[in-house]
């Protein structure tokens, strides 16, 4: 089992940047596929970005070219660098670790507004 704690959310103006972090503990981090999901108010949770065990990445079309997911297997942390933020990026962002099961963090709020 793995425990996940997200940080780095907040209020940012359109066009700004944020970096989310997700610290993992309790299991072998490098053996998990790590992802970021988000859920806007009244919307379904959606996949934002995923990074495989070997470091391959994929992104939702809506964030390609603006967001970058990365992982540090020494620090047991996955990151989401978000640039050129738009109001439609406003959501609660969740970290997810997947192996046989999926494990979720508690979420961190990102609000993009002027």
C-alpha atoms as a PDB file:
ATOM      1  CA  UNK A   1       0.000   0.000   0.000  1.00  0.00           C
ATOM      2  CA  UNK A   2       1.155   3.562  -0.668  1.00  0.00           C
ATOM      3  CA  UNK A   3       0.252   6.878   0.937  1.00  0.00           C
ATOM      4  CA  UNK A   4       0.206  10.042  -1.163  1.00  0.00           C
ATOM      5  CA  UNK A   5       0.331  13.688  -0.070  1.00  0.00           C
ATOM      6  CA  UNK A   6      -0.105  16.482  -2.616  1.00  0.00           C
ATOM      7  CA  UNK A   7       1.085  20.057  -2.219  1.00  0.00           C
ATOM      8  CA  UNK A   8       1.656  23.171  -4.298  1.00  0.00           C
ATOM      9  CA  UNK A   9      -1.865  24.212  -5.196  1.00  0.00           C
ATOM     10  CA  UNK A  10      -3.156  27.740  -4.845  1.00  0.00           C
ATOM     11  CA  UNK A  11      -4.532  30.802  -6.590  1.00  0.00           C
ATOM     12  CA  UNK A  12      -2.793  31.999  -9.747  1.00  0.00           C
ATOM     13  CA  UNK A  13      -3.618  34.483 -12.475  1.00  0.00           C
ATOM     14  CA  UNK A  14      -4.265  33.334 -16.046  1.00  0.00           C
ATOM     15  CA  UNK A  15      -0.969  32.774 -17.823  1.00  0.00           C
ATOM     16  CA  UNK A  16       0.802  31.967 -14.583  1.00  0.00           C
ATOM     17  CA  UNK A  17       2.542  28.800 -13.407  1.00  0.00           C
ATOM     18  CA  UNK A  18       2.345  26.358 -10.527  1.00  0.00           C
ATOM     19  CA  UNK A  19       4.226  23.200  -9.649  1.00  0.00           C
ATOM     20  CA  UNK A  20       2.378  20.448  -7.843  1.00  0.00           C
ATOM     21  CA  UNK A  21       4.217  17.819  -5.833  1.00  0.00           C
ATOM     22  CA  UNK A  22       3.061  14.438  -4.613  1.00  0.00           C
ATOM     23  CA  UNK A  23       5.142  12.687  -1.983  1.00  0.00           C
ATOM     24  CA  UNK A  24       4.710   8.931  -1.689  1.00  0.00           C
ATOM     25  CA  UNK A  25       5.461   6.629   1.214  1.00  0.00           C
ATOM     26  CA  UNK A  26       4.755   3.113   2.365  1.00  0.00           C
ATOM     27  CA  UNK A  27       5.791   1.116  -0.656  1.00  0.00           C
ATOM     28  CA  UNK A  28       8.308   0.913  -3.494  1.00  0.00           C
ATOM     29  CA  UNK A  29       7.599   4.120  -5.405  1.00  0.00           C
ATOM     30  CA  UNK A  30       9.466   3.168  -8.568  1.00  0.00           C
ATOM     31  CA  UNK A  31       7.150   0.188  -9.116  1.00  0.00           C
ATOM     32  CA  UNK A  32       4.057   2.388  -9.542  1.00  0.00           C
ATOM     33  CA  UNK A  33       2.651   4.167 -12.559  1.00  0.00           C
ATOM     34  CA  UNK A  34       2.007   7.719 -11.352  1.00  0.00           C
ATOM     35  CA  UNK A  35      -0.690  10.023 -12.618  1.00  0.00           C
ATOM     36  CA  UNK A  36      -2.341  13.354 -11.996  1.00  0.00           C
ATOM     37  CA  UNK A  37      -6.097  13.675 -12.301  1.00  0.00           C
ATOM     38  CA  UNK A  38      -8.324  16.682 -11.786  1.00  0.00           C
ATOM     39  CA  UNK A  39     -11.956  17.308 -10.999  1.00  0.00           C
ATOM     40  CA  UNK A  40     -13.626  20.619 -11.650  1.00  0.00           C
ATOM     41  CA  UNK A  41     -16.786  21.707  -9.878  1.00  0.00           C
ATOM     42  CA  UNK A  42     -19.689  19.656 -11.208  1.00  0.00           C
ATOM     43  CA  UNK A  43     -17.441  17.708 -13.551  1.00  0.00           C
ATOM     44  CA  UNK A  44     -16.129  14.170 -13.686  1.00  0.00           C
ATOM     45  CA  UNK A  45     -12.598  13.373 -12.636  1.00  0.00           C
ATOM     46  CA  UNK A  46     -10.313  13.327 -15.659  1.00  0.00           C
ATOM     47  CA  UNK A  47      -6.776  12.165 -16.373  1.00  0.00           C
ATOM     48  CA  UNK A  48      -4.332  15.043 -16.818  1.00  0.00           C
ATOM     49  CA  UNK A  49      -0.971  13.302 -17.158  1.00  0.00           C
ATOM     50  CA  UNK A  50       0.639   9.929 -16.564  1.00  0.00           C
ATOM     51  CA  UNK A  51       4.222   8.747 -16.226  1.00  0.00           C
ATOM     52  CA  UNK A  52       5.147   5.109 -16.490  1.00  0.00           C
ATOM     53  CA  UNK A  53       7.660   3.131 -14.458  1.00  0.00           C
ATOM     54  CA  UNK A  54      10.204   3.684 -17.240  1.00  0.00           C
ATOM     55  CA  UNK A  55       9.446   7.398 -17.535  1.00  0.00           C
ATOM     56  CA  UNK A  56       7.188   7.442 -20.587  1.00  0.00           C
ATOM     57  CA  UNK A  57       4.595  10.193 -20.396  1.00  0.00           C
ATOM     58  CA  UNK A  58       1.210  10.951 -21.859  1.00  0.00           C
ATOM     59  CA  UNK A  59      -1.094  13.946 -21.482  1.00  0.00           C
ATOM     60  CA  UNK A  60      -4.658  15.014 -21.962  1.00  0.00           C
ATOM     61  CA  UNK A  61      -5.041  17.011 -25.174  1.00  0.00           C
ATOM     62  CA  UNK A  62      -6.172  20.029 -23.168  1.00  0.00           C
ATOM     63  CA  UNK A  63      -2.821  20.329 -21.366  1.00  0.00           C
ATOM     64  CA  UNK A  64      -0.312  19.175 -24.007  1.00  0.00           C
ATOM     65  CA  UNK A  65       2.492  21.683 -24.409  1.00  0.00           C
ATOM     66  CA  UNK A  66       1.615  23.435 -21.148  1.00  0.00           C
ATOM     67  CA  UNK A  67       1.970  20.778 -18.426  1.00  0.00           C
ATOM     68  CA  UNK A  68       4.902  18.479 -17.696  1.00  0.00           C
ATOM     69  CA  UNK A  69       4.847  15.435 -15.440  1.00  0.00           C
ATOM     70  CA  UNK A  70       8.060  14.085 -13.948  1.00  0.00           C
ATOM     71  CA  UNK A  71       9.140  11.717 -11.214  1.00  0.00           C
ATOM     72  CA  UNK A  72      12.056  11.459  -8.812  1.00  0.00           C
ATOM     73  CA  UNK A  73      12.466   7.866  -7.676  1.00  0.00           C
ATOM     74  CA  UNK A  74      15.045   8.883  -5.064  1.00  0.00           C
ATOM     75  CA  UNK A  75      12.764  11.427  -3.404  1.00  0.00           C
ATOM     76  CA  UNK A  76       9.659   9.254  -4.018  1.00  0.00           C
ATOM     77  CA  UNK A  77       7.918  12.257  -5.519  1.00  0.00           C
ATOM     78  CA  UNK A  78       5.996  12.999  -8.693  1.00  0.00           C
ATOM     79  CA  UNK A  79       5.616  16.540  -9.994  1.00  0.00           C
ATOM     80  CA  UNK A  80       3.270  18.385 -12.294  1.00  0.00           C
ATOM     81  CA  UNK A  81       4.674  21.603 -13.738  1.00  0.00           C
ATOM     82  CA  UNK A  82       1.792  23.697 -15.026  1.00  0.00           C
ATOM     83  CA  UNK A  83       2.499  26.683 -17.272  1.00  0.00           C
ATOM     84  CA  UNK A  84       0.268  29.068 -19.207  1.00  0.00           C
ATOM     85  CA  UNK A  85      -2.593  28.293 -16.862  1.00  0.00           C
ATOM     86  CA  UNK A  86      -6.148  29.012 -17.963  1.00  0.00           C
ATOM     87  CA  UNK A  87      -9.334  29.516 -15.952  1.00  0.00           C
ATOM     88  CA  UNK A  88     -10.563  26.152 -17.247  1.00  0.00           C
ATOM     89  CA  UNK A  89      -7.643  24.481 -15.443  1.00  0.00           C
ATOM     90  CA  UNK A  90      -9.345  25.340 -12.147  1.00  0.00           C
ATOM     91  CA  UNK A  91      -9.975  22.079 -10.299  1.00  0.00           C
ATOM     92  CA  UNK A  92      -8.931  19.876  -7.440  1.00  0.00           C
ATOM     93  CA  UNK A  93      -5.848  17.985  -8.582  1.00  0.00           C
ATOM     94  CA  UNK A  94      -5.305  14.431  -7.347  1.00  0.00           C
ATOM     95  CA  UNK A  95      -2.204  12.295  -7.391  1.00  0.00           C
ATOM     96  CA  UNK A  96      -2.680   8.611  -8.171  1.00  0.00           C
ATOM     97  CA  UNK A  97      -0.375   5.614  -7.817  1.00  0.00           C
ATOM     98  CA  UNK A  98      -1.339   2.501  -9.749  1.00  0.00           C
ATOM     99  CA  UNK A  99      -0.104  -1.047  -9.662  1.00  0.00           C
ATOM    100  CA  UNK A 100      -2.556  -3.813  -8.905  1.00  0.00           C
ATOM    101  CA  UNK A 101      -4.745  -1.198  -7.188  1.00  0.00           C
ATOM    102  CA  UNK A 102      -5.093   2.556  -7.477  1.00  0.00           C
ATOM    103  CA  UNK A 103      -4.205   4.778  -4.549  1.00  0.00           C
ATOM    104  CA  UNK A 104      -5.229   8.415  -4.263  1.00  0.00           C
ATOM    105  CA  UNK A 105      -4.051  11.480  -2.446  1.00  0.00           C
ATOM    106  CA  UNK A 106      -6.394  13.924  -0.727  1.00  0.00           C
ATOM    107  CA  UNK A 107      -6.212  16.489  -3.537  1.00  0.00           C
ATOM    108  CA  UNK A 108      -4.965  20.052  -3.811  1.00  0.00           C
ATOM    109  CA  UNK A 109      -7.011  22.983  -5.087  1.00  0.00           C
ATOM    110  CA  UNK A 110      -5.802  24.948  -8.097  1.00  0.00           C
ATOM    111  CA  UNK A 111      -7.689  28.131  -8.913  1.00  0.00           C
ATOM    112  CA  UNK A 112      -6.867  30.174 -12.007  1.00  0.00           C
ATOM    113  CA  UNK A 113      -8.518  33.568 -11.824  1.00  0.00           C
ATOM    114  CA  UNK A 114      -7.776  37.239 -12.206  1.00  0.00           C
END
